Amino acid sequence: MNIGILLIMIVYGIIGGLSTLFLFFGMPGLIIWKFYRKLKYNIALTD
């Protein structure tokens, strides 16, 4: 396989993995933060 294509595949694999990890850890944090604001400040969950 061409070395250039292999390097591109590795870079895009790392980028995809990082974005997946960000979503995996970020979404629960966002949901917890929304419920915290709802309970403490009585702000709607959709704001």
C-alpha atoms as a PDB file:
ATOM      1  CA  MET A   1       0.000   0.000   0.000  1.00  0.00           C
ATOM      2  CA  ASN A   2       1.219   3.502  -0.721  1.00  0.00           C
ATOM      3  CA  ILE A   3       2.858   5.152   2.313  1.00  0.00           C
ATOM      4  CA  GLY A   4       0.935   8.405   1.752  1.00  0.00           C
ATOM      5  CA  ILE A   5      -2.429   6.668   1.842  1.00  0.00           C
ATOM      6  CA  LEU A   6      -1.383   4.749   4.942  1.00  0.00           C
ATOM      7  CA  LEU A   7      -0.402   7.971   6.743  1.00  0.00           C
ATOM      8  CA  ILE A   8      -3.704   9.623   5.778  1.00  0.00           C
ATOM      9  CA  MET A   9      -5.619   6.611   7.111  1.00  0.00           C
ATOM     10  CA  ILE A  10      -3.731   6.791  10.416  1.00  0.00           C
ATOM     11  CA  VAL A  11      -4.350  10.536  10.804  1.00  0.00           C
ATOM     12  CA  TYR A  12      -8.056  10.216  10.026  1.00  0.00           C
ATOM     13  CA  GLY A  13      -8.321   7.247  12.393  1.00  0.00           C
ATOM     14  CA  ILE A  14      -6.851   9.338  15.217  1.00  0.00           C
ATOM     15  CA  ILE A  15      -9.160  12.266  14.419  1.00  0.00           C
ATOM     16  CA  GLY A  16     -12.200   9.971  14.399  1.00  0.00           C
ATOM     17  CA  GLY A  17     -11.172   8.369  17.680  1.00  0.00           C
ATOM     18  CA  LEU A  18     -10.686  11.723  19.401  1.00  0.00           C
ATOM     19  CA  SER A  19     -14.052  13.067  18.258  1.00  0.00           C
ATOM     20  CA  THR A  20     -15.728   9.844  19.421  1.00  0.00           C
ATOM     21  CA  LEU A  21     -14.098  10.146  22.847  1.00  0.00           C
ATOM     22  CA  PHE A  22     -15.151  13.792  23.100  1.00  0.00           C
ATOM     23  CA  LEU A  23     -18.777  12.882  22.407  1.00  0.00           C
ATOM     24  CA  PHE A  24     -18.624   9.869  24.730  1.00  0.00           C
ATOM     25  CA  PHE A  25     -17.438  11.963  27.677  1.00  0.00           C
ATOM     26  CA  GLY A  26     -18.990  15.312  26.756  1.00  0.00           C
ATOM     27  CA  MET A  27     -22.637  14.343  26.361  1.00  0.00           C
ATOM     28  CA  PRO A  28     -23.127  12.927  29.886  1.00  0.00           C
ATOM     29  CA  GLY A  29     -21.391  16.009  31.292  1.00  0.00           C
ATOM     30  CA  LEU A  30     -23.721  18.269  29.333  1.00  0.00           C
ATOM     31  CA  ILE A  31     -26.798  16.385  30.546  1.00  0.00           C
ATOM     32  CA  ILE A  32     -25.621  16.531  34.172  1.00  0.00           C
ATOM     33  CA  TRP A  33     -24.895  20.264  33.820  1.00  0.00           C
ATOM     34  CA  LYS A  34     -28.386  20.884  32.385  1.00  0.00           C
ATOM     35  CA  PHE A  35     -30.064  19.087  35.324  1.00  0.00           C
ATOM     36  CA  TYR A  36     -27.833  20.952  37.801  1.00  0.00           C
ATOM     37  CA  ARG A  37     -28.928  24.297  36.349  1.00  0.00           C
ATOM     38  CA  LYS A  38     -32.561  23.140  36.398  1.00  0.00           C
ATOM     39  CA  LEU A  39     -32.403  22.206  40.060  1.00  0.00           C
ATOM     40  CA  LYS A  40     -30.328  25.155  41.302  1.00  0.00           C
ATOM     41  CA  TYR A  41     -31.545  28.061  39.149  1.00  0.00           C
ATOM     42  CA  ASN A  42     -34.870  26.713  37.801  1.00  0.00           C
ATOM     43  CA  ILE A  43     -33.727  27.229  34.195  1.00  0.00           C
ATOM     44  CA  ALA A  44     -35.480  25.215  31.483  1.00  0.00           C
ATOM     45  CA  LEU A  45     -33.605  22.161  30.196  1.00  0.00           C
ATOM     46  CA  THR A  46     -33.890  23.396  26.616  1.00  0.00           C
ATOM     47  CA  ASP A  47     -32.109  26.715  27.251  1.00  0.00           C
END
